[in-house]
Amino acid sequence: MDKDDQNDIVFKSPESLQQVVNVINEAAFALNDKDRTIEKKYNL
């Protein structure tokens, strides 16, 4: 994706953006939790 194309990303509704919000929230939580591992999160 070109830098110019980044401004063309449009979400059709707030619901379509929710997955992005979920990923960002999960990443923020994980950054602040030093004991968190992939194994604990996904029971691997």
PDB file of N, CA and C in Angstrom:
ATOM      1  N   MET A   1       0.851  -1.171   0.000  1.00  0.00           N
ATOM      2  CA  MET A   1       0.000   0.000   0.000  1.00  0.00           C
ATOM      3  C   MET A   1       0.900   1.238   0.000  1.00  0.00           C
ATOM      4  N   ASP A   2       0.679   2.096  -0.937  1.00  0.00           N
ATOM      5  CA  ASP A   2       1.433   3.346  -1.003  1.00  0.00           C
ATOM      6  C   ASP A   2       1.021   4.261   0.139  1.00  0.00           C
ATOM      7  N   LYS A   3       1.904   5.176   0.474  1.00  0.00           N
ATOM      8  CA  LYS A   3       1.580   6.150   1.521  1.00  0.00           C
ATOM      9  C   LYS A   3       0.338   6.957   1.137  1.00  0.00           C
ATOM     10  N   ASP A   4       0.187   7.281  -0.126  1.00  0.00           N
ATOM     11  CA  ASP A   4      -0.972   8.042  -0.585  1.00  0.00           C
ATOM     12  C   ASP A   4      -2.263   7.248  -0.446  1.00  0.00           C
ATOM     13  N   ASP A   5      -2.184   5.921  -0.577  1.00  0.00           N
ATOM     14  CA  ASP A   5      -3.366   5.074  -0.492  1.00  0.00           C
ATOM     15  C   ASP A   5      -3.872   4.929   0.935  1.00  0.00           C
ATOM     16  N   GLN A   6      -3.048   5.180   1.940  1.00  0.00           N
ATOM     17  CA  GLN A   6      -3.456   5.002   3.326  1.00  0.00           C
ATOM     18  C   GLN A   6      -4.637   5.890   3.685  1.00  0.00           C
ATOM     19  N   ASN A   7      -4.742   7.030   3.081  1.00  0.00           N
ATOM     20  CA  ASN A   7      -5.859   7.926   3.363  1.00  0.00           C
ATOM     21  C   ASN A   7      -7.158   7.453   2.731  1.00  0.00           C
ATOM     22  N   ASP A   8      -7.108   6.437   1.882  1.00  0.00           N
ATOM     23  CA  ASP A   8      -8.293   5.951   1.191  1.00  0.00           C
ATOM     24  C   ASP A   8      -9.033   4.851   1.962  1.00  0.00           C
ATOM     25  N   ILE A   9      -8.494   4.421   3.104  1.00  0.00           N
ATOM     26  CA  ILE A   9      -9.148   3.373   3.886  1.00  0.00           C
ATOM     27  C   ILE A   9     -10.373   3.969   4.560  1.00  0.00           C
ATOM     28  N   VAL A  10     -11.535   3.390   4.237  1.00  0.00           N
ATOM     29  CA  VAL A  10     -12.792   3.899   4.777  1.00  0.00           C
ATOM     30  C   VAL A  10     -13.565   2.729   5.377  1.00  0.00           C
ATOM     31  N   PHE A  11     -14.007   2.911   6.605  1.00  0.00           N
ATOM     32  CA  PHE A  11     -14.840   1.906   7.241  1.00  0.00           C
ATOM     33  C   PHE A  11     -16.290   2.313   7.055  1.00  0.00           C
ATOM     34  N   LYS A  12     -17.096   1.367   6.613  1.00  0.00           N
ATOM     35  CA  LYS A  12     -18.481   1.661   6.250  1.00  0.00           C
ATOM     36  C   LYS A  12     -19.375   1.951   7.455  1.00  0.00           C
ATOM     37  N   SER A  13     -19.000   1.416   8.629  1.00  0.00           N
ATOM     38  CA  SER A  13     -19.802   1.629   9.828  1.00  0.00           C
ATOM     39  C   SER A  13     -18.902   1.471  11.051  1.00  0.00           C
ATOM     40  N   PRO A  14     -19.348   1.946  12.198  1.00  0.00           N
ATOM     41  CA  PRO A  14     -18.548   1.749  13.420  1.00  0.00           C
ATOM     42  C   PRO A  14     -18.326   0.266  13.730  1.00  0.00           C
ATOM     43  N   GLU A  15     -19.293  -0.566  13.390  1.00  0.00           N
ATOM     44  CA  GLU A  15     -19.161  -1.997  13.633  1.00  0.00           C
ATOM     45  C   GLU A  15     -18.011  -2.610  12.818  1.00  0.00           C
ATOM     46  N   SER A  16     -17.785  -2.116  11.624  1.00  0.00           N
ATOM     47  CA  SER A  16     -16.723  -2.671  10.800  1.00  0.00           C
ATOM     48  C   SER A  16     -15.342  -2.297  11.340  1.00  0.00           C
ATOM     49  N   LEU A  17     -15.285  -1.270  12.131  1.00  0.00           N
ATOM     50  CA  LEU A  17     -14.036  -0.832  12.749  1.00  0.00           C
ATOM     51  C   LEU A  17     -13.764  -1.562  14.071  1.00  0.00           C
ATOM     52  N   GLN A  18     -14.739  -2.261  14.605  1.00  0.00           N
ATOM     53  CA  GLN A  18     -14.621  -2.868  15.929  1.00  0.00           C
ATOM     54  C   GLN A  18     -13.467  -3.862  16.033  1.00  0.00           C
ATOM     55  N   GLN A  19     -13.207  -4.649  15.006  1.00  0.00           N
ATOM     56  CA  GLN A  19     -12.099  -5.603  15.057  1.00  0.00           C
ATOM     57  C   GLN A  19     -10.762  -4.891  15.220  1.00  0.00           C
ATOM     58  N   VAL A  20     -10.606  -3.764  14.576  1.00  0.00           N
ATOM     59  CA  VAL A  20      -9.380  -2.977  14.710  1.00  0.00           C
ATOM     60  C   VAL A  20      -9.258  -2.463  16.143  1.00  0.00           C
ATOM     61  N   VAL A  21     -10.342  -1.966  16.687  1.00  0.00           N
ATOM     62  CA  VAL A  21     -10.354  -1.477  18.065  1.00  0.00           C
ATOM     63  C   VAL A  21      -9.988  -2.615  19.027  1.00  0.00           C
ATOM     64  N   ASN A  22     -10.537  -3.795  18.802  1.00  0.00           N
ATOM     65  CA  ASN A  22     -10.249  -4.948  19.662  1.00  0.00           C
ATOM     66  C   ASN A  22      -8.763  -5.297  19.643  1.00  0.00           C
ATOM     67  N   VAL A  23      -8.158  -5.304  18.491  1.00  0.00           N
ATOM     68  CA  VAL A  23      -6.728  -5.629  18.379  1.00  0.00           C
ATOM     69  C   VAL A  23      -5.884  -4.584  19.098  1.00  0.00           C
ATOM     70  N   ILE A  24      -6.206  -3.325  18.919  1.00  0.00           N
ATOM     71  CA  ILE A  24      -5.445  -2.254  19.575  1.00  0.00           C
ATOM     72  C   ILE A  24      -5.592  -2.349  21.093  1.00  0.00           C
ATOM     73  N   ASN A  25      -6.798  -2.591  21.565  1.00  0.00           N
ATOM     74  CA  ASN A  25      -7.015  -2.724  23.002  1.00  0.00           C
ATOM     75  C   ASN A  25      -6.269  -3.919  23.577  1.00  0.00           C
ATOM     76  N   GLU A  26      -6.301  -5.028  22.886  1.00  0.00           N
ATOM     77  CA  GLU A  26      -5.593  -6.233  23.327  1.00  0.00           C
ATOM     78  C   GLU A  26      -4.093  -5.991  23.373  1.00  0.00           C
ATOM     79  N   ALA A  27      -3.563  -5.323  22.372  1.00  0.00           N
ATOM     80  CA  ALA A  27      -2.127  -5.018  22.341  1.00  0.00           C
ATOM     81  C   ALA A  27      -1.745  -4.092  23.486  1.00  0.00           C
ATOM     82  N   ALA A  28      -2.548  -3.090  23.759  1.00  0.00           N
ATOM     83  CA  ALA A  28      -2.263  -2.165  24.854  1.00  0.00           C
ATOM     84  C   ALA A  28      -2.274  -2.900  26.186  1.00  0.00           C
ATOM     85  N   PHE A  29      -3.225  -3.773  26.381  1.00  0.00           N
ATOM     86  CA  PHE A  29      -3.300  -4.553  27.615  1.00  0.00           C
ATOM     87  C   PHE A  29      -2.071  -5.448  27.756  1.00  0.00           C
ATOM     88  N   ALA A  30      -1.687  -6.103  26.670  1.00  0.00           N
ATOM     89  CA  ALA A  30      -0.543  -7.014  26.703  1.00  0.00           C
ATOM     90  C   ALA A  30       0.761  -6.281  26.988  1.00  0.00           C
ATOM     91  N   LEU A  31       0.913  -5.086  26.475  1.00  0.00           N
ATOM     92  CA  LEU A  31       2.127  -4.316  26.719  1.00  0.00           C
ATOM     93  C   LEU A  31       2.301  -3.972  28.195  1.00  0.00           C
ATOM     94  N   ASN A  32       1.206  -3.843  28.908  1.00  0.00           N
ATOM     95  CA  ASN A  32       1.253  -3.491  30.323  1.00  0.00           C
ATOM     96  C   ASN A  32       1.224  -4.692  31.247  1.00  0.00           C
ATOM     97  N   ASP A  33       1.170  -5.899  30.700  1.00  0.00           N
ATOM     98  CA  ASP A  33       1.101  -7.123  31.510  1.00  0.00           C
ATOM     99  C   ASP A  33       2.314  -7.985  31.197  1.00  0.00           C
ATOM    100  N   LYS A  34       3.350  -7.860  32.018  1.00  0.00           N
ATOM    101  CA  LYS A  34       4.614  -8.558  31.762  1.00  0.00           C
ATOM    102  C   LYS A  34       4.494 -10.072  31.908  1.00  0.00           C
ATOM    103  N   ASP A  35       3.467 -10.550  32.616  1.00  0.00           N
ATOM    104  CA  ASP A  35       3.282 -11.983  32.803  1.00  0.00           C
ATOM    105  C   ASP A  35       2.449 -12.629  31.704  1.00  0.00           C
ATOM    106  N   ARG A  36       1.901 -11.832  30.843  1.00  0.00           N
ATOM    107  CA  ARG A  36       1.012 -12.330  29.792  1.00  0.00           C
ATOM    108  C   ARG A  36       1.818 -13.039  28.710  1.00  0.00           C
ATOM    109  N   THR A  37       1.346 -14.205  28.310  1.00  0.00           N
ATOM    110  CA  THR A  37       1.994 -14.951  27.218  1.00  0.00           C
ATOM    111  C   THR A  37       0.920 -15.415  26.234  1.00  0.00           C
ATOM    112  N   ILE A  38       1.346 -15.808  25.070  1.00  0.00           N
ATOM    113  CA  ILE A  38       0.417 -16.340  24.065  1.00  0.00           C
ATOM    114  C   ILE A  38      -0.230 -17.620  24.608  1.00  0.00           C
ATOM    115  N   GLU A  39       0.554 -18.429  25.288  1.00  0.00           N
ATOM    116  CA  GLU A  39       0.027 -19.685  25.831  1.00  0.00           C
ATOM    117  C   GLU A  39      -1.107 -19.434  26.820  1.00  0.00           C
ATOM    118  N   LYS A  40      -0.964 -18.417  27.691  1.00  0.00           N
ATOM    119  CA  LYS A  40      -2.016 -18.103  28.661  1.00  0.00           C
ATOM    120  C   LYS A  40      -3.251 -17.547  27.977  1.00  0.00           C
ATOM    121  N   LYS A  41      -3.073 -16.713  27.006  1.00  0.00           N
ATOM    122  CA  LYS A  41      -4.195 -16.079  26.334  1.00  0.00           C
ATOM    123  C   LYS A  41      -5.017 -17.082  25.538  1.00  0.00           C
ATOM    124  N   TYR A  42      -4.352 -17.978  24.832  1.00  0.00           N
ATOM    125  CA  TYR A  42      -5.048 -18.877  23.916  1.00  0.00           C
ATOM    126  C   TYR A  42      -5.056 -20.322  24.398  1.00  0.00           C
ATOM    127  N   ASN A  43      -4.618 -20.539  25.640  1.00  0.00           N
ATOM    128  CA  ASN A  43      -4.609 -21.904  26.231  1.00  0.00           C
ATOM    129  C   ASN A  43      -3.885 -22.905  25.338  1.00  0.00           C
ATOM    130  N   LEU A  44      -2.730 -22.525  24.842  1.00  0.00           N
ATOM    131  CA  LEU A  44      -1.951 -23.428  23.991  1.00  0.00           C
ATOM    132  C   LEU A  44      -1.126 -24.377  24.819  1.00  0.00           C
TER     133      LEU A  44
END
